[in-house]
Amino acid sequence: MDSDGSEGTDDADGADGVRRGWAERSGTFSPAYYADLGPNEVSETLASVLDFYADDDAAVLELGCGSGRHLAHLREQGFENLAGVDINDEAFEVMADHYPVLAEAGTFHTGALEDLLPEFDDDAFDVVYSVETLQHIHPDDEWVFEEVARVAGDLLVTAENEGNGPQRGRADATVSYVEGEFPLYHRNWKEIFSSYGFAQLIREPTSRDTIRVFRAP
């Protein structure tokens, strides 16, 4: 679930509205939109991080995987134990068209993180990562961050919009909006995951996001 950020209206629909908006998303920022764009700089950074810190057979989970462009790049780099969750059920139809090998070989689940993560065992995955997905979690659902930490057995990687750049939200704002519709919450991810015992290894700001790599306790 990659996305952009801009100033917009109040979040009137709450957590349910946020989830519904992404579950029904089509057009810009939809699974098909990102499949057409293909892997990007973040995909390459993720591959470099995993190549350095993780084993080739590491169990990897992407939160909000969409049509799988980042996972597809990881597979090309030799990682095969790949899984993903996404709230938009069209994501996996698009994946089957654009990345059929990934769709066939990987393990994928349709649903909200708030519903799916509690079903996984502790330390279920060696690596868990999010690319512009956790930033859309409504404040009412922030409890799910502890679930993210719980299932991450070794590494946790976040690539989230933290207000980087003049068009990526304001430094003094806690929320901006995607096309004036969907709220994007700016959070201190180091503070959040440090509270669950994770140690930050890397912080790399980009023109769009800030990439952080954490080691599990």
N, C-alpha and C. Protein backbone atom coordinates (compact mmCIF):
# COMPACT_ATOMS: atom_id res chain seq x y z
N MET A 1 0.85 -1.18 0.00
CA MET A 1 0.00 0.00 0.00
C MET A 1 0.89 1.24 0.00
N ASP A 2 1.61 1.50 -1.08
CA ASP A 2 2.35 2.74 -1.18
C ASP A 2 1.35 3.89 -1.37
N SER A 3 1.76 5.12 -1.08
CA SER A 3 0.87 6.25 -1.30
C SER A 3 1.64 7.55 -1.19
N ASP A 4 0.98 8.62 -1.58
CA ASP A 4 1.54 9.96 -1.46
C ASP A 4 0.84 10.67 -0.33
N GLY A 5 1.20 11.93 -0.06
CA GLY A 5 0.55 12.66 1.02
C GLY A 5 0.37 14.12 0.68
N SER A 6 -0.79 14.69 1.03
CA SER A 6 -1.06 16.11 0.85
C SER A 6 -2.06 16.55 1.90
N GLU A 7 -2.21 17.84 2.05
CA GLU A 7 -3.12 18.36 3.06
C GLU A 7 -4.56 18.12 2.63
N GLY A 8 -5.47 17.86 3.59
CA GLY A 8 -6.85 17.59 3.21
C GLY A 8 -7.82 17.81 4.33
N THR A 9 -8.92 17.08 4.29
CA THR A 9 -10.03 17.28 5.21
C THR A 9 -9.88 16.41 6.44
N ASP A 10 -10.78 16.61 7.41
CA ASP A 10 -10.75 15.84 8.63
C ASP A 10 -11.10 14.38 8.37
N ASP A 11 -10.60 13.51 9.23
CA ASP A 11 -10.87 12.07 9.15
C ASP A 11 -12.20 11.79 9.84
N ALA A 12 -13.30 11.94 9.08
CA ALA A 12 -14.63 11.85 9.68
C ALA A 12 -15.11 10.42 9.83
N ASP A 13 -14.59 9.51 9.02
CA ASP A 13 -15.12 8.15 9.00
C ASP A 13 -14.43 7.24 10.00
N GLY A 14 -13.36 7.68 10.63
CA GLY A 14 -12.69 6.87 11.62
C GLY A 14 -11.96 5.69 11.02
N ALA A 15 -11.61 4.73 11.88
CA ALA A 15 -10.81 3.59 11.47
C ALA A 15 -11.50 2.76 10.40
N ASP A 16 -12.81 2.55 10.54
CA ASP A 16 -13.53 1.76 9.54
C ASP A 16 -13.48 2.43 8.17
N GLY A 17 -13.62 3.75 8.16
CA GLY A 17 -13.57 4.46 6.90
C GLY A 17 -12.22 4.38 6.23
N VAL A 18 -11.16 4.45 7.02
CA VAL A 18 -9.81 4.33 6.47
C VAL A 18 -9.61 2.96 5.83
N ARG A 19 -10.00 1.92 6.56
CA ARG A 19 -9.84 0.56 6.01
C ARG A 19 -10.69 0.37 4.76
N ARG A 20 -11.92 0.84 4.81
CA ARG A 20 -12.81 0.68 3.66
C ARG A 20 -12.26 1.39 2.42
N GLY A 21 -11.70 2.58 2.64
CA GLY A 21 -11.16 3.34 1.52
C GLY A 21 -10.06 2.61 0.79
N TRP A 22 -9.16 1.96 1.53
CA TRP A 22 -8.08 1.21 0.89
C TRP A 22 -8.55 -0.13 0.35
N ALA A 23 -9.52 -0.74 0.99
CA ALA A 23 -10.04 -2.02 0.50
C ALA A 23 -10.72 -1.85 -0.85
N GLU A 24 -11.31 -0.68 -1.09
CA GLU A 24 -12.07 -0.45 -2.31
C GLU A 24 -11.30 0.41 -3.31
N ARG A 25 -10.05 0.70 -3.04
CA ARG A 25 -9.29 1.63 -3.86
C ARG A 25 -9.09 1.12 -5.28
N SER A 26 -9.35 1.99 -6.27
CA SER A 26 -9.05 1.71 -7.67
C SER A 26 -8.41 2.96 -8.26
N GLY A 27 -7.85 2.83 -9.45
CA GLY A 27 -7.20 3.98 -10.07
C GLY A 27 -5.87 4.31 -9.41
N THR A 28 -5.61 5.60 -9.18
CA THR A 28 -4.35 6.03 -8.58
C THR A 28 -4.17 5.42 -7.20
N PHE A 29 -2.97 4.92 -6.93
CA PHE A 29 -2.58 4.27 -5.67
C PHE A 29 -3.25 2.91 -5.46
N SER A 30 -3.83 2.35 -6.50
CA SER A 30 -4.43 1.01 -6.41
C SER A 30 -3.36 -0.05 -6.68
N PRO A 31 -3.68 -1.33 -6.45
CA PRO A 31 -2.71 -2.39 -6.78
C PRO A 31 -2.26 -2.36 -8.24
N ALA A 32 -3.19 -2.10 -9.17
CA ALA A 32 -2.83 -2.06 -10.59
C ALA A 32 -1.90 -0.88 -10.88
N TYR A 33 -2.13 0.23 -10.23
CA TYR A 33 -1.31 1.43 -10.41
C TYR A 33 0.15 1.12 -10.07
N TYR A 34 0.37 0.47 -8.93
CA TYR A 34 1.74 0.18 -8.51
C TYR A 34 2.35 -0.97 -9.29
N ALA A 35 1.54 -1.90 -9.75
CA ALA A 35 2.07 -2.97 -10.59
C ALA A 35 2.63 -2.41 -11.89
N ASP A 36 1.94 -1.41 -12.44
CA ASP A 36 2.42 -0.78 -13.67
C ASP A 36 3.73 -0.01 -13.43
N LEU A 37 3.89 0.56 -12.25
CA LEU A 37 5.13 1.27 -11.93
C LEU A 37 6.30 0.32 -11.74
N GLY A 38 6.04 -0.84 -11.14
CA GLY A 38 7.08 -1.83 -10.91
C GLY A 38 8.00 -1.48 -9.76
N PRO A 39 9.02 -2.30 -9.51
CA PRO A 39 9.96 -2.06 -8.41
C PRO A 39 10.62 -0.68 -8.52
N ASN A 40 11.02 -0.15 -7.35
CA ASN A 40 11.60 1.19 -7.33
C ASN A 40 12.80 1.24 -6.39
N GLU A 41 13.20 2.44 -6.02
CA GLU A 41 14.37 2.62 -5.14
C GLU A 41 14.19 1.93 -3.80
N VAL A 42 12.98 1.97 -3.27
CA VAL A 42 12.72 1.30 -1.99
C VAL A 42 12.88 -0.21 -2.14
N SER A 43 12.42 -0.76 -3.26
CA SER A 43 12.59 -2.19 -3.52
C SER A 43 14.07 -2.57 -3.46
N GLU A 44 14.90 -1.75 -4.08
CA GLU A 44 16.34 -2.02 -4.10
C GLU A 44 16.94 -1.91 -2.70
N THR A 45 16.49 -0.92 -1.93
CA THR A 45 17.00 -0.76 -0.57
C THR A 45 16.60 -1.94 0.30
N LEU A 46 15.36 -2.39 0.17
CA LEU A 46 14.91 -3.56 0.92
C LEU A 46 15.77 -4.77 0.60
N ALA A 47 16.05 -4.98 -0.68
CA ALA A 47 16.87 -6.12 -1.08
C ALA A 47 18.27 -6.01 -0.49
N SER A 48 18.83 -4.81 -0.47
CA SER A 48 20.17 -4.62 0.10
C SER A 48 20.18 -4.89 1.60
N VAL A 49 19.14 -4.42 2.29
CA VAL A 49 19.04 -4.64 3.74
C VAL A 49 18.94 -6.13 4.04
N LEU A 50 18.07 -6.83 3.31
CA LEU A 50 17.90 -8.26 3.57
C LEU A 50 19.14 -9.04 3.19
N ASP A 51 19.81 -8.63 2.12
CA ASP A 51 21.03 -9.32 1.71
C ASP A 51 22.09 -9.22 2.80
N PHE A 52 22.13 -8.10 3.50
CA PHE A 52 23.14 -7.88 4.54
C PHE A 52 22.75 -8.51 5.87
N TYR A 53 21.47 -8.40 6.25
CA TYR A 53 21.06 -8.78 7.61
C TYR A 53 20.32 -10.11 7.70
N ALA A 54 19.80 -10.63 6.60
CA ALA A 54 18.95 -11.82 6.67
C ALA A 54 19.54 -12.97 5.86
N ASP A 55 19.17 -14.19 6.22
CA ASP A 55 19.56 -15.37 5.46
C ASP A 55 18.71 -15.48 4.20
N ASP A 56 19.23 -16.20 3.21
CA ASP A 56 18.49 -16.36 1.96
C ASP A 56 17.15 -17.06 2.17
N ASP A 57 17.08 -17.94 3.18
CA ASP A 57 15.84 -18.68 3.42
C ASP A 57 14.95 -18.01 4.47
N ALA A 58 15.22 -16.75 4.78
CA ALA A 58 14.43 -16.03 5.78
C ALA A 58 12.96 -15.97 5.37
N ALA A 59 12.09 -16.15 6.35
CA ALA A 59 10.65 -15.99 6.12
C ALA A 59 10.33 -14.51 6.18
N VAL A 60 9.80 -13.98 5.07
CA VAL A 60 9.61 -12.54 4.91
C VAL A 60 8.12 -12.23 4.74
N LEU A 61 7.64 -11.26 5.50
CA LEU A 61 6.24 -10.81 5.39
C LEU A 61 6.21 -9.34 5.04
N GLU A 62 5.46 -8.99 3.98
CA GLU A 62 5.20 -7.59 3.67
C GLU A 62 3.80 -7.21 4.13
N LEU A 63 3.70 -6.14 4.89
CA LEU A 63 2.43 -5.60 5.34
C LEU A 63 1.91 -4.65 4.27
N GLY A 64 0.70 -4.92 3.76
CA GLY A 64 0.18 -4.09 2.68
C GLY A 64 0.96 -4.28 1.40
N CYS A 65 1.06 -5.53 0.97
CA CYS A 65 1.95 -5.89 -0.15
C CYS A 65 1.42 -5.45 -1.51
N GLY A 66 0.13 -5.10 -1.60
CA GLY A 66 -0.42 -4.72 -2.89
C GLY A 66 -0.25 -5.84 -3.90
N SER A 67 0.11 -5.46 -5.12
CA SER A 67 0.29 -6.45 -6.18
C SER A 67 1.65 -7.11 -6.16
N GLY A 68 2.51 -6.73 -5.20
CA GLY A 68 3.73 -7.49 -4.98
C GLY A 68 4.99 -6.98 -5.64
N ARG A 69 5.04 -5.71 -5.99
CA ARG A 69 6.23 -5.25 -6.72
C ARG A 69 7.51 -5.33 -5.89
N HIS A 70 7.42 -5.06 -4.59
CA HIS A 70 8.62 -5.16 -3.75
C HIS A 70 9.00 -6.63 -3.51
N LEU A 71 8.00 -7.47 -3.25
CA LEU A 71 8.27 -8.89 -3.06
C LEU A 71 8.84 -9.52 -4.32
N ALA A 72 8.33 -9.10 -5.48
CA ALA A 72 8.84 -9.65 -6.74
C ALA A 72 10.32 -9.33 -6.90
N HIS A 73 10.71 -8.14 -6.50
CA HIS A 73 12.13 -7.77 -6.58
C HIS A 73 12.96 -8.61 -5.61
N LEU A 74 12.44 -8.84 -4.42
CA LEU A 74 13.16 -9.70 -3.46
C LEU A 74 13.33 -11.10 -4.02
N ARG A 75 12.29 -11.60 -4.68
CA ARG A 75 12.39 -12.94 -5.27
C ARG A 75 13.48 -12.98 -6.34
N GLU A 76 13.57 -11.95 -7.14
CA GLU A 76 14.61 -11.88 -8.16
C GLU A 76 16.01 -11.88 -7.54
N GLN A 77 16.10 -11.39 -6.30
CA GLN A 77 17.40 -11.34 -5.61
C GLN A 77 17.70 -12.61 -4.82
N GLY A 78 16.81 -13.61 -4.93
CA GLY A 78 17.10 -14.91 -4.33
C GLY A 78 16.30 -15.27 -3.09
N PHE A 79 15.44 -14.38 -2.62
CA PHE A 79 14.60 -14.68 -1.45
C PHE A 79 13.32 -15.36 -1.93
N GLU A 80 13.02 -16.52 -1.36
CA GLU A 80 11.90 -17.31 -1.87
C GLU A 80 10.80 -17.56 -0.85
N ASN A 81 11.09 -17.41 0.43
CA ASN A 81 10.09 -17.69 1.47
C ASN A 81 9.33 -16.40 1.77
N LEU A 82 8.42 -16.06 0.86
CA LEU A 82 7.79 -14.74 0.87
C LEU A 82 6.30 -14.83 1.14
N ALA A 83 5.81 -13.87 1.91
CA ALA A 83 4.38 -13.80 2.24
C ALA A 83 3.95 -12.34 2.24
N GLY A 84 2.65 -12.14 2.10
CA GLY A 84 2.13 -10.77 2.12
C GLY A 84 0.69 -10.73 2.56
N VAL A 85 0.29 -9.60 3.10
CA VAL A 85 -1.11 -9.35 3.44
C VAL A 85 -1.52 -8.04 2.80
N ASP A 86 -2.76 -7.98 2.34
CA ASP A 86 -3.29 -6.73 1.79
C ASP A 86 -4.79 -6.69 1.97
N ILE A 87 -5.31 -5.51 2.21
CA ILE A 87 -6.74 -5.35 2.48
C ILE A 87 -7.57 -5.31 1.20
N ASN A 88 -6.93 -5.06 0.07
CA ASN A 88 -7.63 -4.95 -1.21
C ASN A 88 -7.57 -6.29 -1.93
N ASP A 89 -8.73 -6.96 -2.07
CA ASP A 89 -8.70 -8.31 -2.63
C ASP A 89 -8.34 -8.34 -4.11
N GLU A 90 -8.38 -7.20 -4.79
CA GLU A 90 -7.94 -7.16 -6.18
C GLU A 90 -6.42 -7.25 -6.30
N ALA A 91 -5.73 -7.02 -5.19
CA ALA A 91 -4.27 -7.02 -5.22
C ALA A 91 -3.72 -8.33 -5.76
N PHE A 92 -4.33 -9.42 -5.36
CA PHE A 92 -3.76 -10.72 -5.71
C PHE A 92 -4.17 -11.17 -7.11
N GLU A 93 -5.27 -10.62 -7.62
CA GLU A 93 -5.60 -10.83 -9.03
C GLU A 93 -4.59 -10.10 -9.91
N VAL A 94 -4.26 -8.88 -9.53
CA VAL A 94 -3.25 -8.12 -10.27
C VAL A 94 -1.89 -8.80 -10.18
N MET A 95 -1.57 -9.32 -9.00
CA MET A 95 -0.31 -10.03 -8.82
C MET A 95 -0.21 -11.23 -9.76
N ALA A 96 -1.30 -11.97 -9.88
CA ALA A 96 -1.30 -13.15 -10.74
C ALA A 96 -1.02 -12.78 -12.20
N ASP A 97 -1.45 -11.58 -12.60
CA ASP A 97 -1.21 -11.12 -13.97
C ASP A 97 0.21 -10.60 -14.16
N HIS A 98 0.70 -9.81 -13.21
CA HIS A 98 1.99 -9.14 -13.37
C HIS A 98 3.17 -9.97 -12.85
N TYR A 99 2.95 -10.71 -11.78
CA TYR A 99 4.03 -11.48 -11.15
C TYR A 99 3.53 -12.90 -10.86
N PRO A 100 3.25 -13.67 -11.91
CA PRO A 100 2.63 -14.99 -11.73
C PRO A 100 3.47 -15.97 -10.92
N VAL A 101 4.79 -15.92 -11.05
CA VAL A 101 5.65 -16.83 -10.29
C VAL A 101 5.54 -16.51 -8.80
N LEU A 102 5.57 -15.24 -8.46
CA LEU A 102 5.40 -14.82 -7.07
C LEU A 102 4.04 -15.24 -6.54
N ALA A 103 3.00 -15.01 -7.32
CA ALA A 103 1.64 -15.34 -6.88
C ALA A 103 1.50 -16.83 -6.60
N GLU A 104 2.18 -17.64 -7.39
CA GLU A 104 2.09 -19.09 -7.24
C GLU A 104 2.93 -19.59 -6.07
N ALA A 105 4.10 -19.00 -5.89
CA ALA A 105 5.05 -19.53 -4.90
C ALA A 105 4.88 -18.93 -3.51
N GLY A 106 4.35 -17.71 -3.43
CA GLY A 106 4.24 -17.04 -2.14
C GLY A 106 2.99 -17.44 -1.37
N THR A 107 2.88 -16.92 -0.16
CA THR A 107 1.72 -17.15 0.70
C THR A 107 1.07 -15.80 0.98
N PHE A 108 -0.22 -15.68 0.63
CA PHE A 108 -0.86 -14.37 0.69
C PHE A 108 -2.21 -14.44 1.39
N HIS A 109 -2.53 -13.34 2.07
CA HIS A 109 -3.75 -13.26 2.87
C HIS A 109 -4.45 -11.94 2.58
N THR A 110 -5.77 -12.01 2.37
CA THR A 110 -6.56 -10.81 2.15
C THR A 110 -7.25 -10.39 3.44
N GLY A 111 -7.06 -9.15 3.83
CA GLY A 111 -7.73 -8.64 5.02
C GLY A 111 -6.94 -7.52 5.65
N ALA A 112 -7.52 -6.93 6.68
CA ALA A 112 -6.86 -5.85 7.41
C ALA A 112 -5.80 -6.41 8.35
N LEU A 113 -4.74 -5.65 8.57
CA LEU A 113 -3.71 -6.06 9.51
C LEU A 113 -4.30 -6.33 10.88
N GLU A 114 -5.28 -5.52 11.26
CA GLU A 114 -5.90 -5.65 12.57
C GLU A 114 -6.60 -6.99 12.75
N ASP A 115 -7.04 -7.58 11.64
CA ASP A 115 -7.71 -8.89 11.69
C ASP A 115 -6.74 -10.05 11.51
N LEU A 116 -5.72 -9.86 10.68
CA LEU A 116 -4.85 -10.97 10.30
C LEU A 116 -3.67 -11.20 11.24
N LEU A 117 -3.02 -10.13 11.67
CA LEU A 117 -1.81 -10.31 12.47
C LEU A 117 -2.04 -11.10 13.75
N PRO A 118 -3.15 -10.92 14.47
CA PRO A 118 -3.35 -11.71 15.68
C PRO A 118 -3.43 -13.21 15.44
N GLU A 119 -3.63 -13.63 14.18
CA GLU A 119 -3.72 -15.06 13.87
C GLU A 119 -2.34 -15.71 13.75
N PHE A 120 -1.28 -14.92 13.59
CA PHE A 120 0.06 -15.47 13.43
C PHE A 120 0.71 -15.74 14.79
N ASP A 121 1.59 -16.76 14.82
CA ASP A 121 2.34 -17.08 16.03
C ASP A 121 3.37 -15.99 16.34
N ASP A 122 3.85 -15.99 17.57
CA ASP A 122 4.96 -15.12 17.94
C ASP A 122 6.16 -15.44 17.05
N ASP A 123 6.88 -14.41 16.61
CA ASP A 123 8.10 -14.59 15.79
C ASP A 123 7.83 -15.44 14.56
N ALA A 124 6.64 -15.28 13.97
CA ALA A 124 6.25 -16.11 12.83
C ALA A 124 7.13 -15.86 11.61
N PHE A 125 7.71 -14.67 11.51
CA PHE A 125 8.51 -14.30 10.35
C PHE A 125 9.87 -13.77 10.80
N ASP A 126 10.90 -14.08 10.01
CA ASP A 126 12.22 -13.55 10.32
C ASP A 126 12.29 -12.05 10.03
N VAL A 127 11.62 -11.65 8.95
CA VAL A 127 11.63 -10.25 8.53
C VAL A 127 10.20 -9.80 8.27
N VAL A 128 9.83 -8.67 8.83
CA VAL A 128 8.55 -8.03 8.54
C VAL A 128 8.85 -6.62 8.06
N TYR A 129 8.21 -6.21 6.96
CA TYR A 129 8.43 -4.84 6.50
C TYR A 129 7.15 -4.21 5.99
N SER A 130 7.15 -2.89 6.01
CA SER A 130 6.02 -2.08 5.54
C SER A 130 6.54 -0.95 4.68
N VAL A 131 5.93 -0.78 3.52
CA VAL A 131 6.23 0.36 2.65
C VAL A 131 4.97 1.22 2.56
N GLU A 132 4.95 2.31 3.29
CA GLU A 132 3.83 3.26 3.26
C GLU A 132 2.49 2.59 3.56
N THR A 133 2.50 1.70 4.53
CA THR A 133 1.27 1.04 4.98
C THR A 133 0.95 1.40 6.42
N LEU A 134 1.92 1.27 7.30
CA LEU A 134 1.66 1.58 8.71
C LEU A 134 1.25 3.03 8.91
N GLN A 135 1.66 3.90 8.00
CA GLN A 135 1.32 5.32 8.11
C GLN A 135 -0.18 5.57 7.95
N HIS A 136 -0.90 4.60 7.43
CA HIS A 136 -2.34 4.76 7.24
C HIS A 136 -3.17 4.13 8.36
N ILE A 137 -2.52 3.54 9.35
CA ILE A 137 -3.25 2.97 10.47
C ILE A 137 -3.87 4.09 11.31
N HIS A 138 -5.17 3.99 11.51
CA HIS A 138 -5.89 5.01 12.28
C HIS A 138 -5.44 4.99 13.74
N PRO A 139 -5.42 6.13 14.42
CA PRO A 139 -5.03 6.16 15.83
C PRO A 139 -5.80 5.19 16.71
N ASP A 140 -7.05 4.91 16.38
CA ASP A 140 -7.83 3.95 17.17
C ASP A 140 -7.27 2.54 17.06
N ASP A 141 -6.48 2.27 16.02
CA ASP A 141 -5.95 0.93 15.78
C ASP A 141 -4.45 0.83 16.05
N GLU A 142 -3.89 1.79 16.77
CA GLU A 142 -2.44 1.77 17.01
C GLU A 142 -1.99 0.56 17.82
N TRP A 143 -2.92 -0.14 18.46
CA TRP A 143 -2.56 -1.36 19.18
C TRP A 143 -1.93 -2.39 18.26
N VAL A 144 -2.22 -2.29 16.95
CA VAL A 144 -1.71 -3.29 16.01
C VAL A 144 -0.19 -3.20 15.85
N PHE A 145 0.41 -2.08 16.23
CA PHE A 145 1.87 -1.97 16.13
C PHE A 145 2.55 -3.00 17.04
N GLU A 146 1.94 -3.29 18.16
CA GLU A 146 2.49 -4.32 19.04
C GLU A 146 2.39 -5.69 18.38
N GLU A 147 1.33 -5.92 17.60
CA GLU A 147 1.19 -7.16 16.86
C GLU A 147 2.27 -7.27 15.78
N VAL A 148 2.57 -6.17 15.12
CA VAL A 148 3.66 -6.15 14.14
C VAL A 148 4.96 -6.58 14.81
N ALA A 149 5.25 -5.99 15.96
CA ALA A 149 6.47 -6.34 16.69
C ALA A 149 6.46 -7.80 17.13
N ARG A 150 5.32 -8.28 17.52
CA ARG A 150 5.21 -9.65 18.04
C ARG A 150 5.56 -10.69 16.99
N VAL A 151 5.15 -10.48 15.74
CA VAL A 151 5.37 -11.50 14.71
C VAL A 151 6.72 -11.35 14.03
N ALA A 152 7.46 -10.27 14.31
CA ALA A 152 8.76 -10.04 13.69
C ALA A 152 9.85 -10.68 14.55
N GLY A 153 10.39 -11.80 14.08
CA GLY A 153 11.34 -12.55 14.89
C GLY A 153 12.75 -12.00 14.90
N ASP A 154 13.15 -11.28 13.85
CA ASP A 154 14.53 -10.81 13.76
C ASP A 154 14.61 -9.36 13.31
N LEU A 155 14.09 -9.07 12.12
CA LEU A 155 14.19 -7.72 11.56
C LEU A 155 12.81 -7.12 11.31
N LEU A 156 12.72 -5.81 11.49
CA LEU A 156 11.53 -5.05 11.14
C LEU A 156 11.99 -3.83 10.36
N VAL A 157 11.40 -3.63 9.18
CA VAL A 157 11.79 -2.51 8.32
C VAL A 157 10.57 -1.65 8.03
N THR A 158 10.70 -0.35 8.24
CA THR A 158 9.63 0.58 7.89
C THR A 158 10.13 1.56 6.84
N ALA A 159 9.33 1.79 5.83
CA ALA A 159 9.58 2.84 4.83
C ALA A 159 8.31 3.67 4.78
N GLU A 160 8.27 4.69 5.61
CA GLU A 160 7.03 5.45 5.81
C GLU A 160 7.28 6.94 5.61
N ASN A 161 6.22 7.64 5.23
CA ASN A 161 6.27 9.09 5.07
C ASN A 161 6.28 9.74 6.45
N GLU A 162 7.36 10.41 6.77
CA GLU A 162 7.49 11.08 8.06
C GLU A 162 7.50 12.60 7.89
N GLY A 163 6.92 13.05 6.77
CA GLY A 163 6.90 14.48 6.49
C GLY A 163 8.06 14.95 5.65
N ASN A 164 8.75 14.02 4.96
CA ASN A 164 9.93 14.36 4.16
C ASN A 164 9.55 15.26 2.99
N GLY A 165 10.23 16.35 2.81
CA GLY A 165 10.08 17.16 1.62
C GLY A 165 8.89 18.10 1.68
N PRO A 166 8.91 19.17 0.85
CA PRO A 166 7.87 20.19 0.91
C PRO A 166 6.50 19.71 0.47
N GLN A 167 6.43 18.64 -0.32
CA GLN A 167 5.14 18.15 -0.78
C GLN A 167 4.73 16.85 -0.09
N ARG A 168 5.41 16.48 0.99
CA ARG A 168 5.16 15.20 1.65
C ARG A 168 4.63 15.39 3.06
N GLY A 169 3.83 16.42 3.26
CA GLY A 169 3.30 16.67 4.60
C GLY A 169 4.12 17.74 5.30
N ARG A 170 3.59 18.32 6.34
CA ARG A 170 4.26 19.40 7.05
C ARG A 170 4.93 18.86 8.31
N ALA A 171 6.08 19.42 8.63
CA ALA A 171 6.85 18.92 9.77
C ALA A 171 6.08 19.07 11.08
N ASP A 172 5.20 20.09 11.17
CA ASP A 172 4.48 20.32 12.41
C ASP A 172 3.11 19.65 12.42
N ALA A 173 2.80 18.88 11.40
CA ALA A 173 1.50 18.23 11.30
C ALA A 173 1.61 16.76 11.66
N THR A 174 0.62 16.24 12.36
CA THR A 174 0.60 14.81 12.69
C THR A 174 -0.14 14.01 11.63
N VAL A 175 -0.87 14.68 10.74
CA VAL A 175 -1.61 13.98 9.69
C VAL A 175 -1.65 14.84 8.44
N SER A 176 -1.49 14.19 7.28
CA SER A 176 -1.75 14.82 5.99
C SER A 176 -2.68 13.86 5.24
N TYR A 177 -2.97 14.17 3.97
CA TYR A 177 -3.99 13.39 3.28
C TYR A 177 -3.56 12.98 1.88
N VAL A 178 -4.02 11.80 1.47
CA VAL A 178 -3.77 11.27 0.14
C VAL A 178 -4.90 11.75 -0.76
N GLU A 179 -4.56 12.61 -1.74
CA GLU A 179 -5.54 13.18 -2.65
C GLU A 179 -6.72 13.79 -1.91
N GLY A 180 -6.46 14.38 -0.74
CA GLY A 180 -7.50 15.03 0.02
C GLY A 180 -8.51 14.09 0.64
N GLU A 181 -8.24 12.77 0.59
CA GLU A 181 -9.21 11.80 1.06
C GLU A 181 -8.72 10.97 2.23
N PHE A 182 -7.63 10.23 2.02
CA PHE A 182 -7.21 9.22 2.98
C PHE A 182 -6.14 9.77 3.92
N PRO A 183 -6.35 9.68 5.23
CA PRO A 183 -5.38 10.23 6.17
C PRO A 183 -4.07 9.45 6.20
N LEU A 184 -2.99 10.19 6.33
CA LEU A 184 -1.64 9.65 6.42
C LEU A 184 -1.06 10.22 7.72
N TYR A 185 -0.78 9.34 8.67
CA TYR A 185 -0.37 9.78 10.00
C TYR A 185 1.16 9.76 10.12
N HIS A 186 1.73 10.90 10.49
CA HIS A 186 3.18 11.02 10.66
C HIS A 186 3.53 10.62 12.09
N ARG A 187 4.35 9.59 12.23
CA ARG A 187 4.67 9.05 13.56
C ARG A 187 6.17 8.89 13.74
N ASN A 188 6.57 8.79 14.99
CA ASN A 188 7.96 8.53 15.34
C ASN A 188 8.13 7.02 15.48
N TRP A 189 8.54 6.37 14.38
CA TRP A 189 8.59 4.91 14.36
C TRP A 189 9.68 4.36 15.26
N LYS A 190 10.76 5.12 15.44
CA LYS A 190 11.79 4.68 16.38
C LYS A 190 11.22 4.62 17.79
N GLU A 191 10.50 5.63 18.17
CA GLU A 191 9.91 5.66 19.51
C GLU A 191 8.91 4.52 19.69
N ILE A 192 8.10 4.28 18.67
CA ILE A 192 7.07 3.24 18.76
C ILE A 192 7.69 1.87 18.93
N PHE A 193 8.61 1.50 18.05
CA PHE A 193 9.13 0.13 18.09
C PHE A 193 10.21 -0.05 19.14
N SER A 194 10.86 1.02 19.55
CA SER A 194 11.78 0.91 20.69
C SER A 194 11.02 0.56 21.96
N SER A 195 9.77 1.00 22.04
CA SER A 195 8.96 0.69 23.23
C SER A 195 8.66 -0.80 23.34
N TYR A 196 8.82 -1.54 22.24
CA TYR A 196 8.64 -2.99 22.26
C TYR A 196 9.98 -3.73 22.29
N GLY A 197 11.05 -3.01 22.57
CA GLY A 197 12.36 -3.63 22.73
C GLY A 197 13.21 -3.68 21.48
N PHE A 198 12.73 -3.15 20.36
CA PHE A 198 13.50 -3.18 19.12
C PHE A 198 14.59 -2.11 19.13
N ALA A 199 15.73 -2.44 18.53
CA ALA A 199 16.85 -1.50 18.43
C ALA A 199 16.98 -1.03 16.98
N GLN A 200 17.03 0.27 16.79
CA GLN A 200 17.16 0.80 15.43
C GLN A 200 18.60 0.63 14.95
N LEU A 201 18.75 0.02 13.77
CA LEU A 201 20.06 -0.19 13.17
C LEU A 201 20.39 0.85 12.11
N ILE A 202 19.37 1.24 11.35
CA ILE A 202 19.57 2.15 10.22
C ILE A 202 18.43 3.16 10.17
N ARG A 203 18.76 4.39 9.86
CA ARG A 203 17.77 5.41 9.52
C ARG A 203 18.25 6.09 8.25
N GLU A 204 17.48 6.00 7.17
CA GLU A 204 17.88 6.56 5.88
C GLU A 204 16.74 7.39 5.29
N PRO A 205 16.78 8.70 5.44
CA PRO A 205 15.75 9.55 4.82
C PRO A 205 15.92 9.57 3.30
N THR A 206 14.81 9.57 2.59
CA THR A 206 14.80 9.74 1.14
C THR A 206 13.93 10.95 0.82
N SER A 207 13.81 11.28 -0.46
CA SER A 207 12.97 12.42 -0.84
C SER A 207 11.50 12.17 -0.55
N ARG A 208 11.13 10.90 -0.38
CA ARG A 208 9.73 10.56 -0.17
C ARG A 208 9.47 10.00 1.23
N ASP A 209 10.29 9.06 1.66
CA ASP A 209 10.07 8.35 2.91
C ASP A 209 11.32 8.37 3.78
N THR A 210 11.17 7.84 4.98
CA THR A 210 12.31 7.52 5.83
C THR A 210 12.33 6.02 6.04
N ILE A 211 13.44 5.39 5.69
CA ILE A 211 13.58 3.94 5.84
C ILE A 211 14.30 3.68 7.16
N ARG A 212 13.71 2.84 7.98
CA ARG A 212 14.30 2.46 9.27
C ARG A 212 14.38 0.93 9.35
N VAL A 213 15.48 0.45 9.88
CA VAL A 213 15.68 -0.99 10.08
C VAL A 213 15.86 -1.22 11.58
N PHE A 214 15.06 -2.15 12.12
CA PHE A 214 15.10 -2.46 13.54
C PHE A 214 15.47 -3.93 13.75
N ARG A 215 16.20 -4.19 14.82
CA ARG A 215 16.51 -5.57 15.23
C ARG A 215 15.62 -5.93 16.41
N ALA A 216 15.04 -7.13 16.35
CA ALA A 216 14.17 -7.60 17.42
C ALA A 216 14.97 -7.87 18.69
N PRO A 217 14.33 -7.75 19.85
CA PRO A 217 15.04 -8.00 21.11
C PRO A 217 15.41 -9.47 21.26
